[in-house]
């Protein structure tokens, strides 16, 4: 059974930073690209960024470039995301997903972790 478990959410102050982590089990982690999505209050789910299977390539949403960094540890089956210069509009539920960047298909999803940015 595949499980993706996000952690690191909570209440953070605007202009600060957050680091979210996603721990994977039940799959061959190194065979999947990993992505982060988010869904803010009253908004549709939005793509945040992705990292290739090797970790050598990252792909970020244009709106977040310059504030985001993703990394992964294939030995530990984890992927992390750092978001800097937080804004209230970064408030959302953040989800990690496993799948394929090339086909933009994400087969497995975590339950999400909530992030609230206070101004």
N, C-alpha and C. Protein backbone atom coordinates (compact mmCIF):
# COMPACT_ATOMS: atom_id res chain seq x y z
N UNK A 1 0.85 -1.19 0.00
CA UNK A 1 0.00 0.00 0.00
C UNK A 1 0.88 1.24 0.00
N UNK A 2 0.63 2.08 -0.97
CA UNK A 2 1.42 3.30 -1.08
C UNK A 2 0.92 4.33 -0.09
N UNK A 3 1.85 4.93 0.60
CA UNK A 3 1.50 6.02 1.51
C UNK A 3 2.45 7.18 1.31
N UNK A 4 1.88 8.36 1.22
CA UNK A 4 2.63 9.60 1.20
C UNK A 4 2.14 10.42 2.39
N UNK A 5 3.05 10.80 3.25
CA UNK A 5 2.67 11.52 4.46
C UNK A 5 3.43 12.84 4.52
N UNK A 6 2.68 13.93 4.47
CA UNK A 6 3.28 15.25 4.54
C UNK A 6 3.42 15.68 5.99
N UNK A 7 4.41 16.53 6.23
CA UNK A 7 4.61 17.10 7.55
C UNK A 7 5.24 18.46 7.42
N UNK A 8 5.16 19.23 8.49
CA UNK A 8 5.80 20.52 8.50
C UNK A 8 4.86 21.70 8.40
N UNK A 9 3.58 21.44 8.26
CA UNK A 9 2.62 22.53 8.18
C UNK A 9 2.37 23.16 9.53
N UNK A 10 1.60 24.23 9.50
CA UNK A 10 1.25 24.91 10.74
C UNK A 10 1.06 26.39 10.48
N UNK A 11 1.15 27.15 11.54
CA UNK A 11 0.99 28.60 11.46
C UNK A 11 2.36 29.25 11.36
N UNK A 12 2.55 30.04 10.32
CA UNK A 12 3.83 30.73 10.11
C UNK A 12 3.55 32.19 9.83
N UNK A 13 4.53 33.01 10.10
CA UNK A 13 4.37 34.45 9.89
C UNK A 13 4.76 34.85 8.48
N UNK A 14 4.09 35.84 7.98
CA UNK A 14 4.44 36.39 6.68
C UNK A 14 5.90 36.84 6.70
N UNK A 15 6.54 36.70 5.55
CA UNK A 15 7.95 37.01 5.34
C UNK A 15 8.88 35.91 5.85
N UNK A 16 8.31 34.95 6.54
CA UNK A 16 9.12 33.84 7.03
C UNK A 16 9.26 32.75 5.99
N UNK A 17 9.74 31.60 6.45
CA UNK A 17 9.95 30.46 5.57
C UNK A 17 9.30 29.23 6.17
N UNK A 18 9.02 28.29 5.30
CA UNK A 18 8.53 27.00 5.78
C UNK A 18 9.21 25.88 5.01
N UNK A 19 9.33 24.78 5.66
CA UNK A 19 9.85 23.58 5.01
C UNK A 19 8.85 22.46 5.24
N UNK A 20 8.37 21.94 4.15
CA UNK A 20 7.45 20.80 4.19
C UNK A 20 8.20 19.55 3.74
N UNK A 21 7.85 18.45 4.34
CA UNK A 21 8.45 17.18 3.97
C UNK A 21 7.36 16.18 3.64
N UNK A 22 7.73 15.24 2.81
CA UNK A 22 6.81 14.17 2.43
C UNK A 22 7.58 12.86 2.50
N UNK A 23 7.06 11.95 3.28
CA UNK A 23 7.69 10.64 3.44
C UNK A 23 6.87 9.60 2.69
N UNK A 24 7.54 8.81 1.87
CA UNK A 24 6.85 7.84 1.02
C UNK A 24 7.17 6.42 1.44
N UNK A 25 6.18 5.57 1.29
CA UNK A 25 6.38 4.14 1.55
C UNK A 25 5.47 3.33 0.62
N UNK A 26 5.84 2.09 0.42
CA UNK A 26 5.02 1.21 -0.41
C UNK A 26 5.23 1.35 -1.89
N UNK A 27 6.25 2.09 -2.29
CA UNK A 27 6.55 2.24 -3.70
C UNK A 27 8.06 2.36 -3.87
N UNK A 28 8.52 2.13 -5.09
CA UNK A 28 9.94 2.31 -5.38
C UNK A 28 10.14 3.79 -5.64
N UNK A 29 10.51 4.48 -4.60
CA UNK A 29 10.50 5.94 -4.60
C UNK A 29 11.32 6.53 -5.74
N UNK A 30 12.46 5.96 -5.99
CA UNK A 30 13.36 6.51 -7.01
C UNK A 30 12.83 6.36 -8.42
N UNK A 31 11.73 5.66 -8.60
CA UNK A 31 11.14 5.50 -9.93
C UNK A 31 10.03 6.50 -10.19
N UNK A 32 9.81 7.40 -9.26
CA UNK A 32 8.74 8.38 -9.42
C UNK A 32 9.27 9.80 -9.33
N UNK A 33 8.79 10.63 -10.25
CA UNK A 33 8.92 12.06 -10.03
C UNK A 33 8.00 12.42 -8.87
N UNK A 34 8.36 13.47 -8.16
CA UNK A 34 7.54 13.91 -7.03
C UNK A 34 7.13 15.35 -7.22
N UNK A 35 5.94 15.66 -6.78
CA UNK A 35 5.41 17.01 -6.96
C UNK A 35 4.72 17.49 -5.70
N UNK A 36 4.60 18.80 -5.64
CA UNK A 36 3.80 19.44 -4.60
C UNK A 36 2.68 20.23 -5.27
N UNK A 37 1.51 20.16 -4.67
CA UNK A 37 0.36 20.95 -5.08
C UNK A 37 -0.17 21.66 -3.84
N UNK A 38 -0.99 22.64 -4.07
CA UNK A 38 -1.63 23.29 -2.94
C UNK A 38 -3.04 23.73 -3.31
N UNK A 39 -3.87 23.83 -2.30
CA UNK A 39 -5.24 24.30 -2.50
C UNK A 39 -5.58 25.28 -1.40
N UNK A 40 -5.72 26.52 -1.79
CA UNK A 40 -6.07 27.56 -0.85
C UNK A 40 -7.56 27.61 -0.60
N UNK A 41 -7.97 28.34 0.41
CA UNK A 41 -9.40 28.46 0.73
C UNK A 41 -10.20 28.99 -0.45
N UNK A 42 -11.18 28.23 -0.87
CA UNK A 42 -12.03 28.66 -1.97
C UNK A 42 -11.36 28.62 -3.33
N UNK A 43 -10.22 27.99 -3.41
CA UNK A 43 -9.48 27.94 -4.68
C UNK A 43 -9.35 26.51 -5.18
N UNK A 44 -9.03 26.40 -6.44
CA UNK A 44 -8.76 25.08 -7.00
C UNK A 44 -7.34 24.66 -6.65
N UNK A 45 -7.14 23.38 -6.71
CA UNK A 45 -5.79 22.87 -6.47
C UNK A 45 -4.83 23.37 -7.54
N UNK A 46 -3.67 23.78 -7.10
CA UNK A 46 -2.69 24.38 -8.02
C UNK A 46 -1.35 23.68 -7.90
N UNK A 47 -0.70 23.59 -9.01
CA UNK A 47 0.64 22.99 -9.07
C UNK A 47 1.65 23.94 -8.43
N UNK A 48 2.50 23.39 -7.61
CA UNK A 48 3.54 24.19 -6.93
C UNK A 48 4.91 23.92 -7.56
N UNK A 49 5.24 22.66 -7.72
CA UNK A 49 6.52 22.31 -8.30
C UNK A 49 6.74 20.82 -8.31
N UNK A 50 7.80 20.40 -8.99
CA UNK A 50 8.10 18.98 -9.07
C UNK A 50 9.61 18.79 -9.12
N UNK A 51 10.01 17.58 -8.81
CA UNK A 51 11.42 17.21 -8.85
C UNK A 51 11.54 15.85 -9.51
N UNK A 52 12.55 15.72 -10.35
CA UNK A 52 12.72 14.49 -11.11
C UNK A 52 13.14 13.34 -10.21
N UNK A 53 13.10 12.15 -10.77
CA UNK A 53 13.42 10.94 -10.02
C UNK A 53 14.82 10.99 -9.41
N UNK A 54 15.74 11.52 -10.16
CA UNK A 54 17.12 11.60 -9.67
C UNK A 54 17.33 12.76 -8.73
N UNK A 55 16.43 13.72 -8.79
CA UNK A 55 16.62 14.93 -8.01
C UNK A 55 17.41 16.00 -8.73
N UNK A 56 17.87 15.70 -9.93
CA UNK A 56 18.73 16.64 -10.64
C UNK A 56 17.95 17.77 -11.29
N UNK A 57 16.68 17.52 -11.56
CA UNK A 57 15.87 18.54 -12.24
C UNK A 57 14.68 18.94 -11.39
N UNK A 58 14.44 20.23 -11.34
CA UNK A 58 13.28 20.75 -10.63
C UNK A 58 12.46 21.62 -11.57
N UNK A 59 11.20 21.68 -11.30
CA UNK A 59 10.26 22.42 -12.14
C UNK A 59 9.31 23.15 -11.20
N UNK A 60 9.32 24.46 -11.29
CA UNK A 60 8.53 25.25 -10.35
C UNK A 60 7.46 26.06 -11.07
N UNK A 61 6.37 26.28 -10.38
CA UNK A 61 5.35 27.17 -10.92
C UNK A 61 5.96 28.56 -11.09
N UNK A 62 5.65 29.20 -12.20
CA UNK A 62 6.24 30.51 -12.49
C UNK A 62 6.01 31.50 -11.36
N UNK A 63 4.86 31.44 -10.76
CA UNK A 63 4.50 32.40 -9.72
C UNK A 63 5.34 32.23 -8.46
N UNK A 64 6.01 31.09 -8.33
CA UNK A 64 6.77 30.83 -7.11
C UNK A 64 8.28 30.83 -7.32
N UNK A 65 8.71 30.95 -8.56
CA UNK A 65 10.14 30.94 -8.83
C UNK A 65 10.83 32.04 -8.06
N UNK A 66 11.95 31.69 -7.49
CA UNK A 66 12.70 32.62 -6.67
C UNK A 66 12.39 32.47 -5.19
N UNK A 67 11.29 31.81 -4.89
CA UNK A 67 10.92 31.64 -3.48
C UNK A 67 10.89 30.18 -3.07
N UNK A 68 11.03 29.28 -4.02
CA UNK A 68 10.82 27.87 -3.74
C UNK A 68 12.05 27.05 -4.08
N UNK A 69 12.23 25.99 -3.31
CA UNK A 69 13.30 25.02 -3.60
C UNK A 69 12.82 23.65 -3.16
N UNK A 70 13.03 22.69 -4.03
CA UNK A 70 12.66 21.32 -3.70
C UNK A 70 13.90 20.44 -3.72
N UNK A 71 13.88 19.42 -2.89
CA UNK A 71 14.96 18.44 -2.85
C UNK A 71 14.37 17.09 -2.47
N UNK A 72 15.15 16.06 -2.72
CA UNK A 72 14.69 14.72 -2.34
C UNK A 72 15.86 13.88 -1.88
N UNK A 73 15.55 12.88 -1.09
CA UNK A 73 16.54 11.94 -0.60
C UNK A 73 16.02 10.55 -0.93
N UNK A 74 16.54 9.96 -1.97
CA UNK A 74 16.04 8.66 -2.41
C UNK A 74 16.42 7.53 -1.45
N UNK A 75 17.42 7.76 -0.65
CA UNK A 75 17.78 6.75 0.35
C UNK A 75 16.79 6.73 1.50
N UNK A 76 16.22 7.90 1.77
CA UNK A 76 15.26 8.03 2.87
C UNK A 76 13.81 8.09 2.41
N UNK A 77 13.61 8.05 1.09
CA UNK A 77 12.26 8.12 0.53
C UNK A 77 11.51 9.37 0.97
N UNK A 78 12.21 10.49 0.91
CA UNK A 78 11.58 11.74 1.31
C UNK A 78 11.81 12.82 0.25
N UNK A 79 10.87 13.71 0.19
CA UNK A 79 10.99 14.89 -0.65
C UNK A 79 10.61 16.09 0.21
N UNK A 80 11.32 17.17 0.00
CA UNK A 80 11.09 18.37 0.81
C UNK A 80 10.89 19.57 -0.09
N UNK A 81 10.21 20.54 0.48
CA UNK A 81 9.99 21.79 -0.23
C UNK A 81 10.19 22.94 0.76
N UNK A 82 10.95 23.91 0.34
CA UNK A 82 11.15 25.12 1.13
C UNK A 82 10.50 26.27 0.38
N UNK A 83 9.73 27.07 1.09
CA UNK A 83 9.11 28.25 0.50
C UNK A 83 9.47 29.45 1.37
N UNK A 84 10.08 30.45 0.76
CA UNK A 84 10.55 31.64 1.46
C UNK A 84 9.65 32.83 1.20
N UNK A 85 9.89 33.88 1.97
CA UNK A 85 9.16 35.14 1.80
C UNK A 85 7.65 34.89 1.77
N UNK A 86 7.20 34.19 2.76
CA UNK A 86 5.81 33.77 2.78
C UNK A 86 4.84 34.95 2.77
N UNK A 87 3.73 34.73 2.09
CA UNK A 87 2.67 35.73 1.99
C UNK A 87 1.37 35.09 2.47
N UNK A 88 0.43 35.90 2.90
CA UNK A 88 -0.85 35.33 3.33
C UNK A 88 -1.49 34.46 2.24
N UNK A 89 -1.26 34.81 0.99
CA UNK A 89 -1.85 34.02 -0.10
C UNK A 89 -1.20 32.66 -0.28
N UNK A 90 -0.14 32.39 0.46
CA UNK A 90 0.44 31.05 0.47
C UNK A 90 -0.34 30.11 1.39
N UNK A 91 -1.28 30.67 2.11
CA UNK A 91 -2.11 29.84 2.98
C UNK A 91 -2.86 28.81 2.15
N UNK A 92 -2.68 27.54 2.49
CA UNK A 92 -3.28 26.47 1.69
C UNK A 92 -3.03 25.13 2.37
N UNK A 93 -3.72 24.15 1.87
CA UNK A 93 -3.36 22.77 2.16
C UNK A 93 -2.36 22.34 1.10
N UNK A 94 -1.26 21.78 1.54
CA UNK A 94 -0.18 21.39 0.63
C UNK A 94 -0.14 19.86 0.54
N UNK A 95 -0.06 19.38 -0.69
CA UNK A 95 -0.09 17.95 -0.94
C UNK A 95 1.14 17.52 -1.73
N UNK A 96 1.70 16.39 -1.38
CA UNK A 96 2.73 15.82 -2.24
C UNK A 96 2.11 14.71 -3.07
N UNK A 97 2.71 14.47 -4.21
CA UNK A 97 2.19 13.47 -5.13
C UNK A 97 3.35 12.77 -5.83
N UNK A 98 3.12 11.54 -6.21
CA UNK A 98 4.12 10.75 -6.94
C UNK A 98 3.58 10.41 -8.32
N UNK A 99 4.41 10.59 -9.32
CA UNK A 99 3.95 10.29 -10.67
C UNK A 99 4.99 10.62 -11.70
N UNK A 100 4.54 11.32 -12.74
CA UNK A 100 5.41 11.61 -13.87
C UNK A 100 5.27 13.06 -14.31
N UNK A 101 6.40 13.73 -14.38
CA UNK A 101 6.40 15.11 -14.88
C UNK A 101 6.07 15.13 -16.37
N UNK A 102 6.65 14.21 -17.12
CA UNK A 102 6.50 14.25 -18.57
C UNK A 102 5.06 14.06 -19.02
N UNK A 103 4.32 13.23 -18.32
CA UNK A 103 2.92 13.02 -18.67
C UNK A 103 1.97 13.81 -17.78
N UNK A 104 2.55 14.56 -16.85
CA UNK A 104 1.73 15.34 -15.91
C UNK A 104 0.64 14.47 -15.30
N UNK A 105 1.01 13.29 -14.89
CA UNK A 105 0.06 12.38 -14.25
C UNK A 105 0.60 12.00 -12.88
N UNK A 106 -0.26 12.14 -11.91
CA UNK A 106 0.16 11.95 -10.52
C UNK A 106 -0.70 10.85 -9.91
N UNK A 107 -0.06 9.71 -9.67
CA UNK A 107 -0.81 8.51 -9.35
C UNK A 107 -1.14 8.38 -7.86
N UNK A 108 -0.26 8.88 -7.05
CA UNK A 108 -0.42 8.73 -5.61
C UNK A 108 -0.36 10.09 -4.94
N UNK A 109 -1.20 10.24 -3.92
CA UNK A 109 -1.32 11.53 -3.24
C UNK A 109 -1.26 11.34 -1.73
N UNK A 110 -0.72 12.35 -1.06
CA UNK A 110 -0.78 12.38 0.38
C UNK A 110 -2.09 13.00 0.85
N UNK A 111 -2.27 13.02 2.14
CA UNK A 111 -3.48 13.58 2.74
C UNK A 111 -3.41 15.11 2.89
N UNK A 112 -2.22 15.63 2.79
CA UNK A 112 -2.06 17.07 2.86
C UNK A 112 -1.66 17.56 4.23
N UNK A 113 -1.05 18.71 4.25
CA UNK A 113 -0.70 19.39 5.49
C UNK A 113 -1.10 20.85 5.35
N UNK A 114 -1.70 21.38 6.38
CA UNK A 114 -2.24 22.73 6.30
C UNK A 114 -1.18 23.76 6.70
N UNK A 115 -1.11 24.80 5.90
CA UNK A 115 -0.21 25.92 6.18
C UNK A 115 -1.03 27.19 6.24
N UNK A 116 -0.88 27.92 7.31
CA UNK A 116 -1.55 29.20 7.46
C UNK A 116 -0.49 30.27 7.67
N UNK A 117 -0.52 31.27 6.80
CA UNK A 117 0.45 32.36 6.89
C UNK A 117 -0.27 33.57 7.46
N UNK A 118 0.20 34.04 8.60
CA UNK A 118 -0.41 35.18 9.25
C UNK A 118 0.32 36.46 8.87
N UNK A 119 -0.45 37.50 8.68
CA UNK A 119 0.15 38.79 8.27
C UNK A 119 0.50 39.64 9.48
